[in-house]
Amino acid sequence: MKINSAEENEFVLNLVTKKAPSLKQVWIGLKWSSKDFYWHDHSVPVYTNWAPNEPNGKAKEPCGMMWLSGHSNALPIRAAGYWNDTLCRVVSGFHNGIVCERLP
């Protein structure tokens, strides 16, 4: 999945929250590679929606995800639609999903 605009970001957010309301975050296909984040196909992002002070983990948090619901004790950092860098594994207490892109 590649998110190339604010409209696409909003589309993904709305689709996932409607179809999988129990999820708190979803992996979006960004991965750290030596100096920056790239999409799964190694292309450079033309649009990003990182939460304030993110990404901050680099190689220690090499996967990109999107928050799906706001966490009132951590807003705006965890506001719905913002991106975060994280571990590339399931973290206890956070139900993760994966967003795939449907090709024509």
N, C-alpha and C. Protein backbone atom coordinates (compact mmCIF):
# COMPACT_ATOMS: atom_id res chain seq x y z
N MET A 1 0.84 -1.17 0.00
CA MET A 1 0.00 0.00 0.00
C MET A 1 0.88 1.22 0.00
N LYS A 2 0.54 2.20 -0.79
CA LYS A 2 1.20 3.50 -0.79
C LYS A 2 0.12 4.55 -0.64
N ILE A 3 0.36 5.50 0.25
CA ILE A 3 -0.57 6.61 0.45
C ILE A 3 0.09 7.84 -0.15
N ASN A 4 -0.51 8.38 -1.20
CA ASN A 4 0.12 9.47 -1.95
C ASN A 4 -0.52 10.84 -1.76
N SER A 5 -1.55 10.93 -0.91
CA SER A 5 -2.21 12.23 -0.71
C SER A 5 -3.02 12.21 0.58
N ALA A 6 -3.42 13.39 1.00
CA ALA A 6 -4.28 13.50 2.19
C ALA A 6 -5.61 12.79 1.94
N GLU A 7 -6.11 12.85 0.72
CA GLU A 7 -7.37 12.19 0.37
C GLU A 7 -7.24 10.67 0.50
N GLU A 8 -6.13 10.12 0.03
CA GLU A 8 -5.91 8.68 0.16
C GLU A 8 -5.74 8.28 1.62
N ASN A 9 -5.06 9.12 2.39
CA ASN A 9 -4.89 8.86 3.82
C ASN A 9 -6.25 8.79 4.51
N GLU A 10 -7.11 9.75 4.19
CA GLU A 10 -8.46 9.79 4.77
C GLU A 10 -9.29 8.58 4.32
N PHE A 11 -9.14 8.19 3.06
CA PHE A 11 -9.85 7.02 2.53
C PHE A 11 -9.46 5.77 3.31
N VAL A 12 -8.16 5.56 3.50
CA VAL A 12 -7.67 4.38 4.24
C VAL A 12 -8.19 4.42 5.67
N LEU A 13 -8.08 5.56 6.32
CA LEU A 13 -8.55 5.71 7.69
C LEU A 13 -10.04 5.36 7.80
N ASN A 14 -10.85 5.93 6.93
CA ASN A 14 -12.30 5.67 6.97
C ASN A 14 -12.64 4.23 6.65
N LEU A 15 -11.98 3.64 5.66
CA LEU A 15 -12.26 2.27 5.28
C LEU A 15 -11.93 1.29 6.41
N VAL A 16 -10.75 1.45 6.99
CA VAL A 16 -10.33 0.51 8.03
C VAL A 16 -11.16 0.68 9.30
N THR A 17 -11.45 1.90 9.70
CA THR A 17 -12.24 2.09 10.91
C THR A 17 -13.67 1.56 10.73
N LYS A 18 -14.18 1.60 9.51
CA LYS A 18 -15.52 1.06 9.24
C LYS A 18 -15.50 -0.47 9.21
N LYS A 19 -14.51 -1.05 8.53
CA LYS A 19 -14.47 -2.50 8.33
C LYS A 19 -13.85 -3.26 9.52
N ALA A 20 -13.00 -2.59 10.29
CA ALA A 20 -12.32 -3.26 11.40
C ALA A 20 -12.27 -2.33 12.61
N PRO A 21 -13.42 -2.02 13.22
CA PRO A 21 -13.48 -1.01 14.28
C PRO A 21 -12.69 -1.33 15.54
N SER A 22 -12.31 -2.58 15.76
CA SER A 22 -11.55 -2.92 16.97
C SER A 22 -10.07 -2.61 16.85
N LEU A 23 -9.58 -2.37 15.64
CA LEU A 23 -8.16 -2.09 15.46
C LEU A 23 -7.81 -0.70 15.96
N LYS A 24 -6.61 -0.56 16.52
CA LYS A 24 -6.11 0.73 17.00
C LYS A 24 -5.07 1.31 16.05
N GLN A 25 -4.45 0.43 15.26
CA GLN A 25 -3.41 0.87 14.32
C GLN A 25 -3.34 -0.13 13.17
N VAL A 26 -2.76 0.34 12.06
CA VAL A 26 -2.63 -0.52 10.89
C VAL A 26 -1.30 -0.22 10.20
N TRP A 27 -0.59 -1.28 9.81
CA TRP A 27 0.65 -1.10 9.06
C TRP A 27 0.30 -0.65 7.66
N ILE A 28 1.08 0.31 7.13
CA ILE A 28 0.74 0.91 5.83
C ILE A 28 1.79 0.67 4.75
N GLY A 29 2.82 -0.08 5.00
CA GLY A 29 3.77 -0.42 3.95
C GLY A 29 5.03 0.41 3.91
N LEU A 30 5.26 1.25 4.92
CA LEU A 30 6.51 2.00 5.01
C LEU A 30 7.55 1.19 5.78
N LYS A 31 8.80 1.25 5.32
CA LYS A 31 9.87 0.51 5.99
C LYS A 31 11.14 1.34 5.96
N TRP A 32 11.86 1.33 7.08
CA TRP A 32 13.14 2.05 7.19
C TRP A 32 14.19 1.33 6.36
N SER A 33 14.99 2.10 5.63
CA SER A 33 16.07 1.53 4.83
C SER A 33 17.27 2.46 4.86
N SER A 34 18.18 2.21 5.73
CA SER A 34 19.46 2.89 5.93
C SER A 34 19.42 4.39 6.23
N LYS A 35 18.64 5.19 5.51
CA LYS A 35 18.63 6.63 5.76
C LYS A 35 17.25 7.24 5.89
N ASP A 36 16.22 6.53 5.48
CA ASP A 36 14.88 7.12 5.49
C ASP A 36 13.84 6.02 5.32
N PHE A 37 12.57 6.43 5.37
CA PHE A 37 11.47 5.50 5.13
C PHE A 37 11.12 5.47 3.65
N TYR A 38 10.85 4.28 3.15
CA TYR A 38 10.45 4.07 1.77
C TYR A 38 9.24 3.15 1.75
N TRP A 39 8.48 3.20 0.67
CA TRP A 39 7.37 2.29 0.52
C TRP A 39 7.89 0.89 0.22
N HIS A 40 7.02 -0.10 0.36
CA HIS A 40 7.39 -1.50 0.16
C HIS A 40 8.04 -1.75 -1.20
N ASP A 41 7.72 -0.93 -2.21
CA ASP A 41 8.31 -1.10 -3.54
C ASP A 41 9.58 -0.26 -3.72
N HIS A 42 10.10 0.27 -2.61
CA HIS A 42 11.34 1.07 -2.55
C HIS A 42 11.19 2.48 -3.11
N SER A 43 9.96 2.93 -3.36
CA SER A 43 9.76 4.29 -3.84
C SER A 43 9.75 5.27 -2.66
N VAL A 44 10.10 6.50 -2.97
CA VAL A 44 10.15 7.58 -1.97
C VAL A 44 8.74 8.12 -1.76
N PRO A 45 8.30 8.29 -0.52
CA PRO A 45 6.97 8.86 -0.28
C PRO A 45 6.86 10.28 -0.83
N VAL A 46 5.77 10.56 -1.53
CA VAL A 46 5.51 11.92 -2.02
C VAL A 46 4.60 12.66 -1.05
N TYR A 47 3.99 11.93 -0.13
CA TYR A 47 3.12 12.49 0.90
C TYR A 47 3.41 11.74 2.19
N THR A 48 3.43 12.46 3.30
CA THR A 48 3.55 11.82 4.62
C THR A 48 2.60 12.51 5.58
N ASN A 49 2.24 11.79 6.64
CA ASN A 49 1.37 12.35 7.67
C ASN A 49 1.87 11.89 9.05
N TRP A 50 3.16 12.07 9.27
CA TRP A 50 3.76 11.67 10.54
C TRP A 50 3.16 12.47 11.69
N ALA A 51 2.96 11.81 12.80
CA ALA A 51 2.54 12.48 14.04
C ALA A 51 3.67 13.42 14.48
N PRO A 52 3.35 14.40 15.33
CA PRO A 52 4.41 15.29 15.82
C PRO A 52 5.57 14.50 16.41
N ASN A 53 6.79 14.90 16.05
CA ASN A 53 8.04 14.29 16.50
C ASN A 53 8.25 12.87 15.99
N GLU A 54 7.55 12.48 14.97
CA GLU A 54 7.73 11.17 14.34
C GLU A 54 8.20 11.38 12.90
N PRO A 55 8.90 10.45 12.33
CA PRO A 55 9.40 9.21 12.92
C PRO A 55 10.60 9.50 13.80
N ASN A 56 10.75 8.72 14.85
CA ASN A 56 11.85 8.97 15.78
C ASN A 56 12.69 7.75 16.10
N GLY A 57 12.34 6.58 15.61
CA GLY A 57 13.06 5.37 15.98
C GLY A 57 14.07 4.88 14.98
N LYS A 58 13.95 5.34 13.74
CA LYS A 58 14.83 4.90 12.65
C LYS A 58 14.92 3.38 12.63
N ALA A 59 16.11 2.81 12.64
CA ALA A 59 16.28 1.36 12.54
C ALA A 59 15.69 0.61 13.74
N LYS A 60 15.52 1.30 14.87
CA LYS A 60 14.94 0.64 16.05
C LYS A 60 13.43 0.46 15.92
N GLU A 61 12.80 1.27 15.09
CA GLU A 61 11.36 1.19 14.82
C GLU A 61 11.18 1.28 13.30
N PRO A 62 11.46 0.19 12.60
CA PRO A 62 11.58 0.27 11.14
C PRO A 62 10.30 0.16 10.32
N CYS A 63 9.15 0.02 10.94
CA CYS A 63 7.90 -0.10 10.16
C CYS A 63 6.99 1.10 10.41
N GLY A 64 6.28 1.52 9.37
CA GLY A 64 5.35 2.64 9.48
C GLY A 64 3.93 2.14 9.65
N MET A 65 3.19 2.81 10.53
CA MET A 65 1.80 2.47 10.77
C MET A 65 0.97 3.72 10.90
N MET A 66 -0.36 3.56 10.84
CA MET A 66 -1.30 4.66 11.00
C MET A 66 -2.15 4.40 12.24
N TRP A 67 -2.31 5.43 13.07
CA TRP A 67 -3.24 5.34 14.19
C TRP A 67 -4.66 5.39 13.64
N LEU A 68 -5.54 4.57 14.19
CA LEU A 68 -6.92 4.53 13.71
C LEU A 68 -7.91 5.22 14.62
N SER A 69 -7.59 5.31 15.89
CA SER A 69 -8.49 6.01 16.81
C SER A 69 -7.65 6.83 17.77
N GLY A 70 -8.16 7.97 18.12
CA GLY A 70 -7.43 8.85 19.02
C GLY A 70 -7.33 8.29 20.43
N HIS A 71 -6.19 8.47 21.04
CA HIS A 71 -5.98 8.10 22.43
C HIS A 71 -5.92 9.40 23.21
N SER A 72 -6.96 9.72 23.94
CA SER A 72 -7.11 11.04 24.54
C SER A 72 -5.94 11.45 25.41
N ASN A 73 -5.25 10.49 26.02
CA ASN A 73 -4.12 10.85 26.88
C ASN A 73 -2.86 11.16 26.08
N ALA A 74 -2.88 10.97 24.78
CA ALA A 74 -1.68 11.20 23.98
C ALA A 74 -1.95 12.03 22.72
N LEU A 75 -3.07 12.75 22.69
CA LEU A 75 -3.36 13.58 21.51
C LEU A 75 -2.46 14.81 21.50
N PRO A 76 -2.01 15.33 20.37
CA PRO A 76 -2.35 14.88 19.03
C PRO A 76 -1.45 13.77 18.49
N ILE A 77 -0.47 13.33 19.27
CA ILE A 77 0.50 12.36 18.77
C ILE A 77 -0.18 11.10 18.25
N ARG A 78 -1.20 10.63 18.93
CA ARG A 78 -1.88 9.41 18.51
C ARG A 78 -3.25 9.69 17.90
N ALA A 79 -3.41 10.84 17.30
CA ALA A 79 -4.69 11.17 16.67
C ALA A 79 -4.90 10.30 15.44
N ALA A 80 -6.15 9.94 15.20
CA ALA A 80 -6.49 9.10 14.06
C ALA A 80 -5.98 9.70 12.76
N GLY A 81 -5.35 8.86 11.94
CA GLY A 81 -4.83 9.28 10.65
C GLY A 81 -3.36 9.64 10.66
N TYR A 82 -2.81 9.94 11.84
CA TYR A 82 -1.39 10.23 11.92
C TYR A 82 -0.58 8.95 11.81
N TRP A 83 0.66 9.07 11.34
CA TRP A 83 1.56 7.93 11.19
C TRP A 83 2.58 7.91 12.30
N ASN A 84 3.07 6.72 12.57
CA ASN A 84 4.08 6.49 13.61
C ASN A 84 5.03 5.42 13.11
N ASP A 85 6.29 5.51 13.52
CA ASP A 85 7.20 4.40 13.26
C ASP A 85 7.16 3.48 14.46
N THR A 86 7.26 2.18 14.20
CA THR A 86 7.08 1.19 15.26
C THR A 86 7.86 -0.07 14.94
N LEU A 87 7.84 -1.00 15.87
CA LEU A 87 8.45 -2.29 15.64
C LEU A 87 7.68 -3.03 14.55
N CYS A 88 8.34 -3.92 13.86
CA CYS A 88 7.69 -4.70 12.80
C CYS A 88 7.13 -6.00 13.36
N ARG A 89 6.48 -5.89 14.50
CA ARG A 89 5.86 -7.05 15.13
C ARG A 89 4.67 -6.57 15.94
N VAL A 90 3.83 -7.48 16.32
CA VAL A 90 2.67 -7.14 17.12
C VAL A 90 3.12 -6.77 18.52
N VAL A 91 2.64 -5.65 19.01
CA VAL A 91 2.93 -5.18 20.36
C VAL A 91 1.72 -5.50 21.23
N SER A 92 1.95 -6.12 22.36
CA SER A 92 0.87 -6.51 23.26
C SER A 92 -0.01 -5.31 23.60
N GLY A 93 -1.32 -5.53 23.50
CA GLY A 93 -2.27 -4.47 23.84
C GLY A 93 -2.70 -3.62 22.66
N PHE A 94 -2.02 -3.74 21.53
CA PHE A 94 -2.39 -2.98 20.33
C PHE A 94 -2.77 -3.97 19.23
N HIS A 95 -4.03 -3.96 18.85
CA HIS A 95 -4.48 -4.82 17.77
C HIS A 95 -4.08 -4.18 16.45
N ASN A 96 -3.24 -4.86 15.70
CA ASN A 96 -2.72 -4.33 14.44
C ASN A 96 -3.43 -4.95 13.25
N GLY A 97 -3.52 -4.20 12.20
CA GLY A 97 -3.99 -4.70 10.93
C GLY A 97 -2.98 -4.36 9.86
N ILE A 98 -3.20 -4.88 8.69
CA ILE A 98 -2.34 -4.60 7.54
C ILE A 98 -3.23 -4.11 6.42
N VAL A 99 -2.83 -3.03 5.77
CA VAL A 99 -3.58 -2.51 4.66
C VAL A 99 -2.86 -2.89 3.37
N CYS A 100 -3.60 -3.49 2.45
CA CYS A 100 -3.05 -3.88 1.14
C CYS A 100 -3.70 -3.03 0.06
N GLU A 101 -2.98 -2.84 -1.02
CA GLU A 101 -3.50 -2.05 -2.12
C GLU A 101 -4.07 -2.97 -3.19
N ARG A 102 -5.26 -2.65 -3.62
CA ARG A 102 -5.88 -3.42 -4.70
C ARG A 102 -5.49 -2.79 -6.02
N LEU A 103 -4.83 -3.58 -6.84
CA LEU A 103 -4.39 -3.07 -8.14
C LEU A 103 -5.46 -3.31 -9.18
N PRO A 104 -5.59 -2.40 -10.16
CA PRO A 104 -6.63 -2.56 -11.19
C PRO A 104 -6.37 -3.77 -12.07
